[in-house]
N, C-alpha and C. Protein backbone atom coordinates (compact mmCIF):
# COMPACT_ATOMS: atom_id res chain seq x y z
N MET A 1 33.98 -24.47 91.51
CA MET A 1 35.33 -24.85 91.89
C MET A 1 35.52 -24.64 93.33
N SER A 2 36.28 -25.45 93.88
CA SER A 2 36.56 -25.29 95.33
C SER A 2 37.75 -24.40 95.54
N GLU A 3 37.92 -23.92 96.76
CA GLU A 3 39.10 -23.10 97.05
C GLU A 3 40.41 -23.77 96.84
N LYS A 4 40.38 -25.06 97.11
CA LYS A 4 41.60 -25.89 96.79
C LYS A 4 41.95 -25.93 95.35
N ASP A 5 40.89 -25.99 94.53
CA ASP A 5 41.16 -25.99 93.06
C ASP A 5 41.69 -24.62 92.55
N ASN A 6 41.23 -23.54 93.18
CA ASN A 6 41.73 -22.23 92.86
C ASN A 6 43.14 -22.11 93.18
N LYS A 7 43.54 -22.53 94.38
CA LYS A 7 45.02 -22.51 94.74
C LYS A 7 45.81 -23.33 93.75
N GLY A 8 45.30 -24.40 93.33
CA GLY A 8 46.02 -25.24 92.37
C GLY A 8 46.15 -24.60 91.06
N LEU A 9 45.15 -23.97 90.62
CA LEU A 9 45.21 -23.30 89.25
C LEU A 9 46.17 -22.06 89.44
N PHE A 10 45.96 -21.35 90.49
CA PHE A 10 46.83 -20.17 90.67
C PHE A 10 48.24 -20.61 90.87
N GLY A 11 48.43 -21.72 91.56
CA GLY A 11 49.77 -22.32 91.71
C GLY A 11 50.32 -22.65 90.33
N LEU A 12 49.60 -23.18 89.46
CA LEU A 12 50.12 -23.55 88.08
C LEU A 12 50.48 -22.35 87.32
N PHE A 13 49.62 -21.33 87.38
CA PHE A 13 49.82 -20.08 86.74
C PHE A 13 51.11 -19.35 87.28
N ARG A 14 51.27 -19.38 88.56
CA ARG A 14 52.43 -18.87 89.21
C ARG A 14 53.70 -19.54 88.81
N LYS A 15 53.66 -20.87 88.76
CA LYS A 15 54.81 -21.74 88.37
C LYS A 15 55.13 -21.39 86.92
N LYS A 16 54.18 -21.31 86.03
CA LYS A 16 54.45 -21.00 84.68
C LYS A 16 55.03 -19.64 84.51
N GLU A 17 54.55 -18.64 85.27
CA GLU A 17 55.07 -17.32 85.27
C GLU A 17 56.54 -17.30 85.70
N GLU A 18 56.88 -18.00 86.74
CA GLU A 18 58.17 -18.14 87.25
C GLU A 18 59.15 -18.73 86.18
N GLU A 19 58.65 -19.77 85.51
CA GLU A 19 59.50 -20.43 84.41
C GLU A 19 59.72 -19.45 83.34
N ASP A 20 58.69 -18.70 82.96
CA ASP A 20 58.85 -17.71 81.89
C ASP A 20 59.88 -16.71 82.27
N GLN A 21 59.84 -16.19 83.50
CA GLN A 21 60.81 -15.24 83.96
C GLN A 21 62.25 -15.78 83.93
N LYS A 22 62.42 -17.06 84.35
CA LYS A 22 63.82 -17.64 84.40
C LYS A 22 64.22 -17.79 82.89
N SER A 23 63.37 -18.20 82.01
CA SER A 23 63.86 -18.36 80.62
C SER A 23 64.18 -17.01 79.99
N GLU A 24 63.48 -16.01 80.38
CA GLU A 24 63.80 -14.60 79.86
C GLU A 24 65.07 -14.07 80.45
N ALA A 25 65.42 -14.53 81.59
CA ALA A 25 66.69 -14.00 82.33
C ALA A 25 67.90 -14.71 81.69
N LYS A 26 67.83 -15.93 81.21
CA LYS A 26 68.93 -16.71 80.74
C LYS A 26 69.78 -15.93 79.71
N PRO A 27 69.17 -15.42 78.69
CA PRO A 27 70.02 -14.70 77.68
C PRO A 27 70.79 -13.52 78.29
N PHE A 28 70.20 -12.86 79.29
CA PHE A 28 70.97 -11.75 79.90
C PHE A 28 72.12 -12.31 80.79
N ILE A 29 71.76 -13.37 81.47
CA ILE A 29 72.91 -14.03 82.32
C ILE A 29 74.02 -14.47 81.40
N THR A 30 73.71 -15.16 80.25
CA THR A 30 74.70 -15.65 79.37
C THR A 30 75.45 -14.55 78.81
N ALA A 31 74.77 -13.46 78.46
CA ALA A 31 75.45 -12.29 77.86
C ALA A 31 76.42 -11.68 78.94
N ASP A 32 75.96 -11.62 80.18
CA ASP A 32 76.86 -11.07 81.23
C ASP A 32 78.07 -11.96 81.41
N ILE A 33 77.88 -13.26 81.39
CA ILE A 33 78.99 -14.21 81.51
C ILE A 33 79.92 -14.10 80.40
N ASP A 34 79.40 -14.00 79.21
CA ASP A 34 80.25 -13.82 78.06
C ASP A 34 81.14 -12.45 78.04
N LYS A 35 80.42 -11.47 78.48
CA LYS A 35 81.12 -10.15 78.62
C LYS A 35 82.25 -10.27 79.68
N ALA A 36 81.88 -10.96 80.83
CA ALA A 36 82.91 -11.05 81.85
C ALA A 36 84.11 -11.90 81.38
N LYS A 37 83.82 -12.95 80.61
CA LYS A 37 84.90 -13.76 80.02
C LYS A 37 85.81 -12.91 79.08
N ALA A 38 85.15 -12.16 78.24
CA ALA A 38 85.80 -11.34 77.26
C ALA A 38 86.68 -10.23 78.07
N ASP A 39 86.16 -9.69 79.06
CA ASP A 39 86.86 -8.69 79.90
C ASP A 39 88.10 -9.35 80.56
N MET A 40 87.94 -10.58 81.01
CA MET A 40 89.01 -11.31 81.69
C MET A 40 90.13 -11.59 80.64
N VAL A 41 89.71 -12.00 79.44
CA VAL A 41 90.72 -12.33 78.42
C VAL A 41 91.54 -10.99 78.02
N LEU A 42 90.82 -9.87 77.95
CA LEU A 42 91.48 -8.60 77.66
C LEU A 42 92.46 -8.30 78.73
N LYS A 43 92.07 -8.42 80.00
CA LYS A 43 92.95 -8.08 81.16
C LYS A 43 94.17 -9.00 81.08
N GLN A 44 93.96 -10.34 80.80
CA GLN A 44 95.09 -11.21 80.72
C GLN A 44 96.10 -10.83 79.66
N LYS A 45 95.53 -10.35 78.48
CA LYS A 45 96.35 -9.92 77.36
C LYS A 45 97.13 -8.69 77.79
N GLU A 46 96.44 -7.74 78.56
CA GLU A 46 97.17 -6.53 78.98
C GLU A 46 98.32 -6.91 79.98
N ILE A 47 98.05 -7.89 80.79
CA ILE A 47 99.07 -8.27 81.86
C ILE A 47 100.28 -8.88 81.06
N VAL A 48 100.00 -9.73 80.05
CA VAL A 48 101.14 -10.31 79.34
C VAL A 48 101.92 -9.28 78.59
N LYS A 49 101.23 -8.23 77.99
CA LYS A 49 101.82 -7.15 77.29
C LYS A 49 102.79 -6.31 78.28
N LYS A 50 102.23 -6.04 79.43
CA LYS A 50 102.95 -5.26 80.46
C LYS A 50 104.21 -6.12 80.91
N LYS A 51 104.04 -7.42 81.07
CA LYS A 51 105.16 -8.24 81.51
C LYS A 51 106.26 -8.17 80.50
N LYS A 52 105.84 -8.33 79.17
CA LYS A 52 106.85 -8.35 78.08
C LYS A 52 107.57 -6.94 78.08
N ALA A 53 106.78 -5.88 78.31
CA ALA A 53 107.37 -4.55 78.31
C ALA A 53 108.40 -4.40 79.52
N MET A 54 108.13 -5.12 80.66
CA MET A 54 109.01 -5.04 81.77
C MET A 54 110.22 -5.94 81.63
N GLU A 55 110.12 -6.89 80.76
CA GLU A 55 111.32 -7.76 80.57
C GLU A 55 112.54 -6.95 80.13
N VAL A 56 113.54 -7.27 80.78
CA VAL A 56 114.87 -6.50 80.58
C VAL A 56 115.74 -7.42 79.77
N LYS A 57 116.36 -6.79 78.74
CA LYS A 57 117.38 -7.51 77.93
C LYS A 57 118.75 -7.38 78.74
N LYS A 58 119.52 -8.35 78.60
CA LYS A 58 120.82 -8.34 79.29
C LYS A 58 121.91 -8.71 78.21
N HIS A 59 123.04 -8.14 78.44
CA HIS A 59 124.21 -8.40 77.57
C HIS A 59 125.46 -8.73 78.43
N THR A 60 126.04 -9.82 78.07
CA THR A 60 127.30 -10.14 78.84
C THR A 60 128.44 -9.63 77.91
N VAL A 61 129.25 -8.85 78.59
CA VAL A 61 130.42 -8.23 77.82
C VAL A 61 131.44 -9.28 77.45
N VAL A 62 131.92 -9.17 76.23
CA VAL A 62 133.02 -10.00 75.78
C VAL A 62 134.18 -9.11 75.32
N ALA A 63 135.35 -9.74 75.19
CA ALA A 63 136.52 -8.97 74.82
C ALA A 63 136.29 -8.20 73.51
N GLY A 64 136.63 -6.90 73.52
CA GLY A 64 136.45 -6.09 72.38
C GLY A 64 135.12 -5.29 72.33
N ASP A 65 134.24 -5.64 73.25
CA ASP A 65 132.95 -4.79 73.33
C ASP A 65 133.21 -3.42 73.84
N THR A 66 132.42 -2.45 73.31
CA THR A 66 132.33 -1.10 73.82
C THR A 66 130.88 -0.83 74.08
N LEU A 67 130.68 0.16 74.89
CA LEU A 67 129.21 0.52 75.12
C LEU A 67 128.62 1.10 73.83
N SER A 68 129.39 1.74 73.02
CA SER A 68 128.93 2.23 71.69
C SER A 68 128.50 1.07 70.76
N ALA A 69 129.35 0.05 70.69
CA ALA A 69 128.98 -1.09 69.90
C ALA A 69 127.76 -1.86 70.44
N ILE A 70 127.69 -2.01 71.73
CA ILE A 70 126.47 -2.57 72.40
C ILE A 70 125.24 -1.80 72.12
N SER A 71 125.42 -0.52 72.22
CA SER A 71 124.31 0.47 71.97
C SER A 71 123.82 0.28 70.42
N LYS A 72 124.76 0.22 69.58
CA LYS A 72 124.46 0.01 68.16
C LYS A 72 123.72 -1.26 67.89
N LYS A 73 124.17 -2.33 68.60
CA LYS A 73 123.52 -3.65 68.55
C LYS A 73 122.01 -3.64 68.94
N TYR A 74 121.77 -3.01 70.07
CA TYR A 74 120.41 -3.05 70.61
C TYR A 74 119.52 -1.89 70.23
N TYR A 75 120.10 -0.74 69.92
CA TYR A 75 119.30 0.46 69.61
C TYR A 75 119.42 0.89 68.21
N ASP A 76 120.41 0.36 67.46
CA ASP A 76 120.71 0.86 66.13
C ASP A 76 121.27 2.25 66.11
N ASP A 77 121.78 2.66 67.28
CA ASP A 77 122.32 3.97 67.40
C ASP A 77 123.39 3.96 68.44
N ALA A 78 124.68 4.10 67.95
CA ALA A 78 125.84 4.03 68.84
C ALA A 78 125.93 5.18 69.92
N ASN A 79 125.26 6.30 69.55
CA ASN A 79 125.28 7.44 70.42
C ASN A 79 124.43 7.34 71.69
N LYS A 80 123.64 6.23 71.80
CA LYS A 80 122.78 6.11 72.96
C LYS A 80 123.42 5.23 73.96
N TYR A 81 124.76 5.09 73.90
CA TYR A 81 125.57 4.29 74.88
C TYR A 81 125.35 4.78 76.29
N MET A 82 125.13 6.04 76.52
CA MET A 82 124.96 6.59 77.94
C MET A 82 123.71 6.00 78.57
N LYS A 83 122.79 5.62 77.84
CA LYS A 83 121.56 4.94 78.41
C LYS A 83 121.98 3.72 79.13
N ILE A 84 122.81 2.93 78.41
CA ILE A 84 123.31 1.62 78.91
C ILE A 84 124.17 1.95 80.09
N TYR A 85 125.09 2.97 79.95
CA TYR A 85 125.95 3.25 81.04
C TYR A 85 125.17 3.67 82.29
N GLU A 86 124.21 4.55 82.17
CA GLU A 86 123.48 5.08 83.31
C GLU A 86 122.74 3.89 83.95
N ALA A 87 122.30 2.97 83.27
CA ALA A 87 121.57 1.75 83.86
C ALA A 87 122.53 0.83 84.49
N ASN A 88 123.81 1.01 84.26
CA ASN A 88 124.77 -0.04 84.74
C ASN A 88 125.95 0.57 85.47
N LYS A 89 125.87 1.73 85.99
CA LYS A 89 126.95 2.42 86.70
C LYS A 89 127.50 1.60 87.77
N ASP A 90 126.60 0.93 88.50
CA ASP A 90 127.03 0.11 89.66
C ASP A 90 127.90 -1.08 89.13
N VAL A 91 127.70 -1.56 88.01
CA VAL A 91 128.48 -2.66 87.43
C VAL A 91 129.78 -2.15 86.79
N ILE A 92 129.66 -1.10 86.05
CA ILE A 92 130.76 -0.61 85.20
C ILE A 92 131.77 0.24 86.09
N GLY A 93 131.23 1.06 86.98
CA GLY A 93 132.02 1.95 87.70
C GLY A 93 132.02 3.42 87.07
N GLY A 94 132.93 4.15 87.44
CA GLY A 94 132.89 5.63 87.11
C GLY A 94 133.35 5.96 85.68
N ASP A 95 133.88 5.03 84.96
CA ASP A 95 134.35 5.27 83.59
C ASP A 95 133.67 4.40 82.56
N PRO A 96 132.84 5.00 81.68
CA PRO A 96 132.05 4.17 80.77
C PRO A 96 132.94 3.49 79.78
N ASN A 97 134.25 3.84 79.65
CA ASN A 97 135.17 3.12 78.75
C ASN A 97 135.79 2.00 79.36
N MET A 98 135.47 1.67 80.62
CA MET A 98 136.18 0.52 81.27
C MET A 98 135.21 -0.64 81.55
N ILE A 99 134.55 -1.11 80.49
CA ILE A 99 133.76 -2.36 80.71
C ILE A 99 134.73 -3.52 80.55
N LYS A 100 134.34 -4.56 81.23
CA LYS A 100 135.24 -5.75 81.32
C LYS A 100 134.54 -7.04 80.85
N PRO A 101 135.21 -7.93 80.15
CA PRO A 101 134.47 -9.26 79.79
C PRO A 101 133.97 -9.91 80.97
N GLY A 102 132.74 -10.43 80.79
CA GLY A 102 132.04 -11.14 81.89
C GLY A 102 131.01 -10.29 82.64
N GLN A 103 131.14 -8.99 82.50
CA GLN A 103 130.15 -8.18 83.17
C GLN A 103 128.78 -8.33 82.51
N GLU A 104 127.81 -8.41 83.27
CA GLU A 104 126.41 -8.54 82.74
C GLU A 104 125.70 -7.19 82.82
N LEU A 105 125.41 -6.67 81.65
CA LEU A 105 124.77 -5.32 81.59
C LEU A 105 123.29 -5.40 81.26
N VAL A 106 122.55 -4.59 81.93
CA VAL A 106 121.13 -4.39 81.64
C VAL A 106 121.00 -3.43 80.48
N ILE A 107 120.20 -3.87 79.50
CA ILE A 107 119.95 -2.99 78.40
C ILE A 107 118.50 -2.40 78.49
N PRO A 108 118.44 -1.18 78.95
CA PRO A 108 117.09 -0.58 79.24
C PRO A 108 116.36 -0.34 77.94
N LYS A 109 115.02 -0.31 78.11
CA LYS A 109 114.12 -0.01 77.00
C LYS A 109 114.23 1.57 76.83
N LEU A 110 114.10 1.96 75.59
CA LEU A 110 114.12 3.36 75.29
C LEU A 110 112.73 4.00 75.45
């Protein structure tokens, strides 16, 4: 065999070896991509969950409303009216008994 033939044969072996390495690497690459996609989906779900947790309920006061009644409606506990008052002092003013129709109150999460 000539030196040229040797290079050709070695070249073929080298090419076959490179192809084998590429095919062995594909499952790992695919697994990495799948893991990255799964991680991304989990992060997106966490973001949606956090956004929902941050969403604030609001209540527009109507005639006859009291903070206790509003508290009962949203918390099932009329005694938690001070949570609503504390979150809305700037809207209500200094007296929690003086809410007025049309005021928009933030209902904080407990």
